[in-house]
Amino acid sequence: MSTVHSRQRCYLDHAAATPMLPEVAEAMQDAAAVYGNPSSPHASGREARHLLEAARERIIAALGGSCSGPRRDRLLFTSGGTEANQMAIAGLSTSGDTPAPLLHSARDHAGTVAAARQLAAAGRRVIELTLDAQGLLERSHLSDASQGVLSTTLACSQTGTLEDVAALAAAFPQLLIHVDAVQAVGRVPVKPTAMAAASLALAAHKLGGPRGVGGLFLREATHIAPLLPGSQERGLRGGTEPVALAVGFAVAVEHAVTRQAAEAQRLAGLRDRCERALVEAARTAGIEAVVVGEGAARVPHISVVALPGRNRQATVIAADLAGICLASGTACSSGSSEPSPALVAAGLPASLIDSAIRLSLGWSTTAEDIDRAIQAFQTHLFCRRA
């Protein structure tokens, strides 16, 4: 049993998963009363289909897309961000007469990297791009690519840094760009059309929505081959669509987008105050603290702090015992002893890579949470070797 009751925990791991918004839970409860299969032609099925398509259109509209006309955009519901990313890079890379090369980086989600390796094993040309010291793509290496699919991460969960996708698209118009926007929606403005992205991956549980649902936004006439063929989702993904999850997803996206500017300002203020206090507390205790990516454009909710000489996993365990939920990497790799691939690819010193921890904030984070985290570091984590 945990040493700290859940009500006393300070949860600073929103980049892994966020608490569900009350309005999302309420909308899902109402939608769950509609039990028909959205593929059934009878009245109950049609009612479920109406909810599903309305949720789809609400998400497209919230992202600035078009739901009608010859240049309409599409949204495919998936099981989450991992499937959305894999569907994009496999589907975009295999569509057309000549399979296109795939370009990606170690900064991408573990599921994306795994899918890239699978494509390479099947004979597809896959190019792993290098990162600069801020964890951003090295542009010089993209100049050699005459064509292909570029899979990139808009907001890196391992560093918090932001990639300028619109600038990439303008500089390399020959590339078809897929964007992992899982950590970005609701934190920074995300408009697939403005970024000139062919596709964009989303996940509801990063936005205060339910677990188990995500989406792949496809801009205009973007063609994609199915990853899991079936009769649902216009033949691009098999399996009965989760209507209640889709409705909760739509509410979460609308909530995040509507409140994005104000929430970004609030979270950035909390993040900056936390970073300043941790660096000062570390200095007072005779410990070095380095904010990774501090000089780069960052999302407002992620802070990565390195404590050279201290083991990152030991620090996370010590924080957990003090009632503070942090991370030493992404949720999908938290059980691994391997360091952050993005920090390694960025060429950071081993002392920073091996000691980096991540604090991430969300809609439920309060100033009191930040105060508790600062106090825990001052009294429990910086007073002895973690």
Protein backbone atom coordinates (compact mmCIF):
# COMPACT_ATOMS: atom_id res chain seq x y z
CA MET A 1 0.00 0.00 0.00
CA SER A 2 1.24 3.48 -0.80
CA THR A 3 2.77 5.46 2.04
CA VAL A 4 0.76 8.49 0.97
CA HIS A 5 -3.02 8.51 0.49
CA SER A 6 -4.10 9.48 -3.03
CA ARG A 7 -5.85 12.60 -1.73
CA GLN A 8 -2.56 13.80 -0.30
CA ARG A 9 -0.53 13.18 -3.44
CA CYS A 10 0.80 16.04 -5.54
CA TYR A 11 0.31 14.85 -9.11
CA LEU A 12 2.87 16.35 -11.50
CA ASP A 13 2.80 13.78 -14.30
CA HIS A 14 0.13 15.20 -16.59
CA ALA A 15 2.27 14.50 -19.66
CA ALA A 16 1.64 10.81 -18.97
CA ALA A 17 -2.10 11.11 -18.26
CA THR A 18 -4.46 13.77 -17.00
CA PRO A 19 -7.41 13.48 -14.60
CA MET A 20 -10.71 13.41 -16.45
CA LEU A 21 -12.58 16.70 -16.66
CA PRO A 22 -15.97 16.65 -14.88
CA GLU A 23 -17.77 17.84 -18.03
CA VAL A 24 -16.16 15.01 -19.99
CA ALA A 25 -17.39 12.41 -17.51
CA GLU A 26 -20.89 13.90 -17.61
CA ALA A 27 -21.02 13.91 -21.42
CA MET A 28 -19.81 10.32 -21.56
CA GLN A 29 -22.41 9.20 -19.04
CA ASP A 30 -25.16 10.70 -21.21
CA ALA A 31 -23.70 9.16 -24.37
CA ALA A 32 -23.43 5.72 -22.73
CA ALA A 33 -27.23 5.59 -22.58
CA VAL A 34 -27.19 5.32 -26.39
CA TYR A 35 -26.26 1.65 -26.70
CA GLY A 36 -26.82 1.03 -30.42
CA ASN A 37 -24.00 0.02 -32.75
CA PRO A 38 -23.23 3.03 -34.96
CA SER A 39 -23.09 0.71 -37.99
CA SER A 40 -26.63 -0.63 -37.42
CA PRO A 41 -29.36 0.81 -39.68
CA HIS A 42 -32.13 0.86 -37.06
CA ALA A 43 -33.10 3.84 -34.89
CA SER A 44 -30.73 3.02 -32.01
CA GLY A 45 -27.85 2.57 -34.43
CA ARG A 46 -28.66 5.82 -36.19
CA GLU A 47 -28.74 7.63 -32.86
CA ALA A 48 -25.28 6.27 -32.01
CA ARG A 49 -24.00 7.20 -35.48
CA HIS A 50 -25.29 10.75 -35.00
CA LEU A 51 -23.34 11.10 -31.74
CA LEU A 52 -20.21 9.63 -33.32
CA GLU A 53 -20.25 11.89 -36.39
CA ALA A 54 -21.09 14.96 -34.31
CA ALA A 55 -18.07 14.22 -32.10
CA ARG A 56 -15.90 13.80 -35.18
CA GLU A 57 -17.00 17.12 -36.65
CA ARG A 58 -16.57 18.93 -33.31
CA ILE A 59 -12.94 17.83 -33.09
CA ILE A 60 -12.21 18.76 -36.71
CA ALA A 61 -13.80 22.18 -36.21
CA ALA A 62 -11.90 22.77 -32.94
CA LEU A 63 -8.64 22.20 -34.84
CA GLY A 64 -9.62 24.72 -37.50
CA GLY A 65 -10.44 22.08 -40.09
CA SER A 66 -13.25 21.89 -42.62
CA CYS A 67 -16.11 19.43 -42.18
CA SER A 68 -17.76 19.98 -45.56
CA GLY A 69 -17.07 20.81 -49.18
CA PRO A 70 -14.56 19.41 -51.67
CA ARG A 71 -11.60 20.28 -49.40
CA ARG A 72 -13.04 18.72 -46.27
CA ASP A 73 -10.71 17.26 -43.66
CA ARG A 74 -11.15 13.86 -42.00
CA LEU A 75 -10.67 12.41 -38.53
CA LEU A 76 -10.21 8.71 -37.89
CA PHE A 77 -10.91 7.53 -34.36
CA THR A 78 -8.16 5.29 -32.97
CA SER A 79 -7.35 3.62 -29.67
CA GLY A 80 -4.95 6.46 -28.79
CA GLY A 81 -1.93 8.43 -29.93
CA THR A 82 0.26 5.37 -30.50
CA GLU A 83 -2.11 3.86 -33.03
CA ALA A 84 -2.69 7.23 -34.69
CA ASN A 85 1.06 7.71 -35.17
CA GLN A 86 1.58 4.18 -36.43
CA MET A 87 -1.38 4.41 -38.78
CA ALA A 88 0.04 7.61 -40.24
CA ILE A 89 3.64 6.57 -40.81
CA ALA A 90 2.71 3.12 -42.13
CA GLY A 91 -0.24 4.37 -44.18
CA LEU A 92 1.43 7.42 -45.67
CA SER A 93 4.65 5.53 -46.40
CA THR A 94 2.93 2.66 -48.20
CA SER A 95 0.35 4.62 -50.19
CA GLY A 96 1.07 5.27 -53.85
CA ASP A 97 2.87 3.23 -56.50
CA THR A 98 6.35 3.81 -55.08
CA PRO A 99 6.68 3.51 -51.29
CA ALA A 100 8.14 6.73 -49.91
CA PRO A 101 11.14 6.86 -47.58
CA LEU A 102 10.32 7.57 -43.94
CA LEU A 103 12.25 10.20 -42.00
CA HIS A 104 11.98 10.36 -38.21
CA SER A 105 14.10 10.92 -35.10
CA ALA A 106 14.84 9.34 -31.74
CA ARG A 107 12.73 12.10 -30.18
CA ASP A 108 9.56 10.47 -31.49
CA HIS A 109 7.26 8.37 -29.34
CA ALA A 110 8.46 4.81 -28.66
CA GLY A 111 5.55 3.42 -30.68
CA THR A 112 6.53 5.55 -33.67
CA VAL A 113 10.15 4.43 -33.46
CA ALA A 114 9.04 0.79 -33.21
CA ALA A 115 6.83 1.17 -36.29
CA ALA A 116 9.71 2.77 -38.19
CA ARG A 117 11.94 -0.18 -37.35
CA GLN A 118 9.24 -2.56 -38.51
CA LEU A 119 9.04 -0.74 -41.84
CA ALA A 120 12.83 -0.89 -42.18
CA ALA A 121 12.78 -4.63 -41.50
CA ALA A 122 10.22 -5.01 -44.28
CA GLY A 123 12.57 -3.28 -46.71
CA ARG A 124 11.37 0.30 -46.51
CA ARG A 125 14.02 3.01 -46.60
CA VAL A 126 14.02 4.64 -43.14
CA ILE A 127 16.24 7.59 -42.22
CA GLU A 128 16.80 8.55 -38.58
CA LEU A 129 17.44 12.28 -38.34
CA THR A 130 19.76 13.85 -35.80
CA LEU A 131 18.83 16.45 -33.19
CA ASP A 132 20.57 19.63 -32.10
CA ALA A 133 21.46 20.52 -28.50
CA GLN A 134 17.90 21.78 -27.89
CA GLY A 135 16.41 18.50 -29.06
CA LEU A 136 15.13 19.95 -32.36
CA LEU A 137 15.60 18.48 -35.83
CA GLU A 138 18.87 19.27 -37.60
CA ARG A 139 17.65 21.06 -40.72
CA SER A 140 20.85 20.39 -42.71
CA HIS A 141 20.07 16.68 -42.82
CA LEU A 142 16.62 17.30 -44.28
CA SER A 143 18.07 19.14 -47.27
CA ASP A 144 19.27 15.85 -48.76
CA ALA A 145 15.76 14.36 -48.80
CA SER A 146 14.24 14.80 -52.26
CA GLN A 147 10.95 13.20 -51.17
CA GLY A 148 9.44 11.15 -48.41
CA VAL A 149 7.28 11.15 -45.30
CA LEU A 150 8.60 13.14 -42.35
CA SER A 151 7.21 12.08 -38.98
CA THR A 152 7.95 14.72 -36.38
CA THR A 153 6.90 15.62 -32.85
CA LEU A 154 5.42 19.06 -32.29
CA ALA A 155 5.95 19.09 -28.50
CA CYS A 156 8.53 16.66 -27.17
CA SER A 157 7.39 14.91 -24.00
CA GLN A 158 11.02 14.21 -23.07
CA THR A 159 12.23 17.82 -23.18
CA GLY A 160 9.17 20.06 -23.53
CA THR A 161 10.70 21.77 -26.58
CA LEU A 162 8.59 22.84 -29.55
CA GLU A 163 9.34 22.12 -33.19
CA ASP A 164 8.39 24.79 -35.76
CA VAL A 165 6.47 22.52 -38.12
CA ALA A 166 5.22 25.36 -40.33
CA ALA A 167 8.81 26.42 -40.95
CA LEU A 168 9.76 22.83 -41.76
CA ALA A 169 6.91 22.55 -44.26
CA ALA A 170 7.89 25.83 -45.92
CA ALA A 171 11.56 24.87 -46.14
CA PHE A 172 10.96 21.32 -47.36
CA PRO A 173 7.74 21.33 -49.44
CA GLN A 174 8.71 18.03 -51.06
CA LEU A 175 8.04 16.18 -47.78
CA LEU A 176 4.70 14.84 -46.61
CA ILE A 177 4.62 15.74 -42.91
CA HIS A 178 2.94 13.80 -40.13
CA VAL A 179 2.81 15.53 -36.74
CA ASP A 180 2.56 13.92 -33.33
CA ALA A 181 0.59 16.64 -31.52
CA VAL A 182 -0.37 14.56 -28.49
CA GLN A 183 1.43 16.87 -26.03
CA ALA A 184 0.65 20.08 -27.90
CA VAL A 185 -3.13 20.40 -28.26
CA GLY A 186 -4.50 22.71 -25.59
CA ARG A 187 -1.01 23.90 -24.65
CA VAL A 188 -0.09 25.78 -27.84
CA PRO A 189 -2.18 26.75 -30.90
CA VAL A 190 -2.50 23.68 -33.14
CA LYS A 191 -3.88 24.15 -36.65
CA PRO A 192 -2.98 21.39 -39.14
CA THR A 193 -3.77 23.63 -42.10
CA ALA A 194 -1.53 26.46 -40.86
CA MET A 195 1.27 23.96 -40.27
CA ALA A 196 0.74 22.44 -43.74
CA ALA A 197 0.74 19.02 -42.09
CA ALA A 198 -0.73 16.08 -43.99
CA SER A 199 -1.79 14.34 -40.79
CA LEU A 200 -1.81 14.88 -37.04
CA ALA A 201 -2.08 12.48 -34.09
CA LEU A 202 -4.14 13.19 -30.95
CA ALA A 203 -4.86 11.41 -27.67
CA ALA A 204 -7.78 12.21 -25.38
CA HIS A 205 -6.16 11.24 -22.07
CA LYS A 206 -3.58 14.02 -22.40
CA LEU A 207 -6.40 16.60 -22.47
CA GLY A 208 -8.61 15.65 -19.57
CA GLY A 209 -10.44 13.14 -21.75
CA PRO A 210 -10.91 9.37 -21.42
CA ARG A 211 -8.24 6.73 -21.90
CA GLY A 212 -8.59 4.41 -24.87
CA VAL A 213 -9.41 6.86 -27.63
CA GLY A 214 -7.38 9.07 -29.93
CA GLY A 215 -7.56 10.38 -33.43
CA LEU A 216 -5.71 10.78 -36.70
CA PHE A 217 -6.53 14.08 -38.40
CA LEU A 218 -6.12 13.86 -42.20
CA ARG A 219 -5.96 17.13 -44.09
CA GLU A 220 -8.02 17.48 -47.25
CA ALA A 221 -7.23 14.81 -49.86
CA THR A 222 -4.41 13.10 -47.93
CA HIS A 223 -4.41 9.47 -49.01
CA ILE A 224 -3.57 6.77 -46.50
CA ALA A 225 -3.47 2.98 -46.62
CA PRO A 226 -5.29 1.17 -43.77
CA LEU A 227 -3.24 -0.22 -40.90
CA LEU A 228 -6.13 -2.32 -39.56
CA PRO A 229 -8.56 -2.79 -42.49
CA GLY A 230 -12.24 -3.11 -41.76
CA SER A 231 -15.65 -1.77 -42.67
CA GLN A 232 -15.63 1.05 -40.10
CA GLU A 233 -14.01 4.50 -40.37
CA ARG A 234 -14.46 4.61 -44.16
CA GLY A 235 -12.67 1.29 -44.50
CA LEU A 236 -9.47 2.61 -42.90
CA ARG A 237 -9.87 1.04 -39.45
CA GLY A 238 -11.84 -1.99 -38.44
CA GLY A 239 -13.69 -2.31 -35.15
CA THR A 240 -16.89 -0.90 -33.67
CA GLU A 241 -16.34 2.73 -32.79
CA PRO A 242 -16.48 3.65 -29.05
CA VAL A 243 -19.25 6.24 -29.16
CA ALA A 244 -19.09 7.39 -25.51
CA LEU A 245 -15.30 7.71 -25.66
CA ALA A 246 -15.55 9.72 -28.87
CA VAL A 247 -18.04 12.09 -27.26
CA GLY A 248 -15.76 12.57 -24.24
CA PHE A 249 -12.85 13.12 -26.59
CA ALA A 250 -14.71 15.89 -28.40
CA VAL A 251 -15.61 17.66 -25.16
CA ALA A 252 -11.98 17.45 -23.98
CA VAL A 253 -10.60 18.88 -27.25
CA GLU A 254 -13.11 21.73 -27.28
CA HIS A 255 -12.36 22.53 -23.64
CA ALA A 256 -8.60 22.49 -24.26
CA VAL A 257 -8.71 24.61 -27.40
CA THR A 258 -11.17 27.17 -26.01
CA ARG A 259 -9.09 27.74 -22.88
CA GLN A 260 -5.68 27.29 -24.50
CA ALA A 261 -4.33 30.85 -24.28
CA ALA A 262 -5.34 31.48 -20.67
CA GLU A 263 -4.34 28.01 -19.53
CA ALA A 264 -0.95 28.24 -21.24
CA GLN A 265 -0.25 31.49 -19.42
CA ARG A 266 -1.31 29.98 -16.09
CA LEU A 267 0.75 26.81 -16.52
CA ALA A 268 3.82 28.65 -17.77
CA GLY A 269 3.69 30.84 -14.65
CA LEU A 270 3.50 27.80 -12.38
CA ARG A 271 6.25 26.01 -14.31
CA ASP A 272 8.61 28.97 -14.21
CA ARG A 273 8.04 29.53 -10.49
CA CYS A 274 8.68 25.86 -9.81
CA GLU A 275 11.89 25.85 -11.87
CA ARG A 276 13.25 28.97 -10.19
CA ALA A 277 12.53 27.61 -6.73
CA LEU A 278 14.05 24.19 -7.47
CA VAL A 279 17.21 25.69 -8.93
CA GLU A 280 17.55 28.00 -5.91
CA ALA A 281 16.82 25.21 -3.43
CA ALA A 282 19.39 22.99 -5.12
CA ARG A 283 21.98 25.77 -5.04
CA THR A 284 21.35 26.33 -1.33
CA ALA A 285 21.91 22.61 -0.72
CA GLY A 286 25.11 22.64 -2.77
CA ILE A 287 23.53 20.73 -5.66
CA GLU A 288 23.62 21.72 -9.32
CA ALA A 289 20.26 21.91 -11.14
CA VAL A 290 19.95 22.43 -14.91
CA VAL A 291 16.68 23.16 -16.72
CA VAL A 292 16.85 21.25 -20.01
CA GLY A 293 15.79 23.26 -23.07
CA GLU A 294 15.41 26.45 -21.05
CA GLY A 295 16.55 28.66 -23.93
CA ALA A 296 14.27 27.06 -26.53
CA ALA A 297 10.58 27.46 -27.29
CA ARG A 298 8.75 25.10 -24.93
CA VAL A 299 5.26 23.95 -24.11
CA PRO A 300 4.05 25.54 -20.87
CA HIS A 301 3.28 22.34 -18.98
CA ILE A 302 6.54 20.35 -19.15
CA SER A 303 9.72 20.98 -17.19
CA VAL A 304 12.76 18.73 -17.39
CA VAL A 305 15.34 19.33 -14.66
CA ALA A 306 18.68 17.54 -14.45
CA LEU A 307 20.48 17.07 -11.13
CA PRO A 308 24.01 15.95 -12.11
CA GLY A 309 25.36 13.31 -9.76
CA ARG A 310 21.92 12.06 -8.79
CA ASN A 311 20.20 9.04 -10.33
CA ARG A 312 16.96 10.05 -12.02
CA GLN A 313 15.04 6.92 -10.99
CA ALA A 314 16.16 7.22 -7.37
CA THR A 315 14.97 10.83 -7.36
CA VAL A 316 11.55 9.82 -8.70
CA ILE A 317 11.23 7.10 -6.05
CA ALA A 318 12.23 9.52 -3.30
CA ALA A 319 9.69 12.04 -4.61
CA ASP A 320 6.99 9.37 -4.64
CA LEU A 321 7.69 8.54 -0.99
CA ALA A 322 7.30 12.26 -0.25
CA GLY A 323 3.92 12.28 -2.01
CA ILE A 324 5.06 13.88 -5.30
CA CYS A 325 4.32 12.08 -8.59
CA LEU A 326 7.07 12.82 -11.12
CA ALA A 327 8.62 10.94 -14.06
CA SER A 328 12.08 10.01 -15.25
CA GLY A 329 10.97 9.68 -18.87
CA THR A 330 7.85 9.03 -20.91
CA ALA A 331 5.10 6.86 -19.42
CA CYS A 332 5.64 4.23 -22.13
CA SER A 333 9.27 3.78 -21.09
CA SER A 334 9.10 4.60 -17.37
CA GLY A 335 9.75 0.99 -16.41
CA SER A 336 12.96 0.93 -18.42
CA SER A 337 16.39 1.78 -17.07
CA GLU A 338 17.34 3.29 -20.43
CA PRO A 339 17.80 7.08 -20.52
CA SER A 340 15.64 9.46 -22.55
CA PRO A 341 16.28 8.83 -26.28
CA ALA A 342 15.71 12.52 -27.05
CA LEU A 343 18.32 13.67 -24.54
CA VAL A 344 20.80 11.10 -25.85
CA ALA A 345 20.14 12.09 -29.48
CA ALA A 346 20.58 15.76 -28.57
CA GLY A 347 24.13 14.96 -27.47
CA LEU A 348 23.72 16.21 -23.90
CA PRO A 349 26.38 15.25 -21.32
CA ALA A 350 25.82 11.92 -19.59
CA SER A 351 25.61 13.73 -16.24
CA LEU A 352 22.47 15.52 -17.43
CA ILE A 353 20.94 12.55 -19.24
CA ASP A 354 21.33 10.21 -16.27
CA SER A 355 19.85 12.66 -13.76
CA ALA A 356 16.96 14.28 -15.68
CA ILE A 357 13.48 14.20 -14.17
CA ARG A 358 10.23 15.52 -15.63
CA LEU A 359 7.55 17.56 -13.91
CA SER A 360 4.40 18.11 -15.96
CA LEU A 361 1.36 20.20 -15.11
CA GLY A 362 -2.27 20.15 -16.18
CA TRP A 363 -5.75 21.57 -15.73
CA SER A 364 -6.00 20.35 -12.12
CA THR A 365 -2.57 21.64 -11.04
CA THR A 366 -2.77 24.44 -8.49
CA ALA A 367 -0.32 26.87 -6.91
CA GLU A 368 -0.61 24.77 -3.75
CA ASP A 369 0.64 21.74 -5.68
CA ILE A 370 3.72 23.67 -6.77
CA ASP A 371 4.31 24.84 -3.20
CA ARG A 372 4.13 21.24 -1.97
CA ALA A 373 6.57 20.05 -4.63
CA ILE A 374 9.04 22.82 -3.79
CA GLN A 375 8.79 22.06 -0.08
CA ALA A 376 9.30 18.34 -0.71
CA PHE A 377 12.48 19.01 -2.67
CA GLN A 378 13.74 21.39 0.00
CA THR A 379 13.04 19.16 2.99
CA HIS A 380 13.27 15.61 1.63
CA LEU A 381 15.10 15.47 -1.68
CA PHE A 382 17.84 18.11 -1.43
CA CYS A 383 18.86 17.33 2.13
CA ARG A 384 20.42 13.96 1.32
CA ARG A 385 21.65 11.97 -1.65
CA ALA A 386 18.63 10.70 -3.60
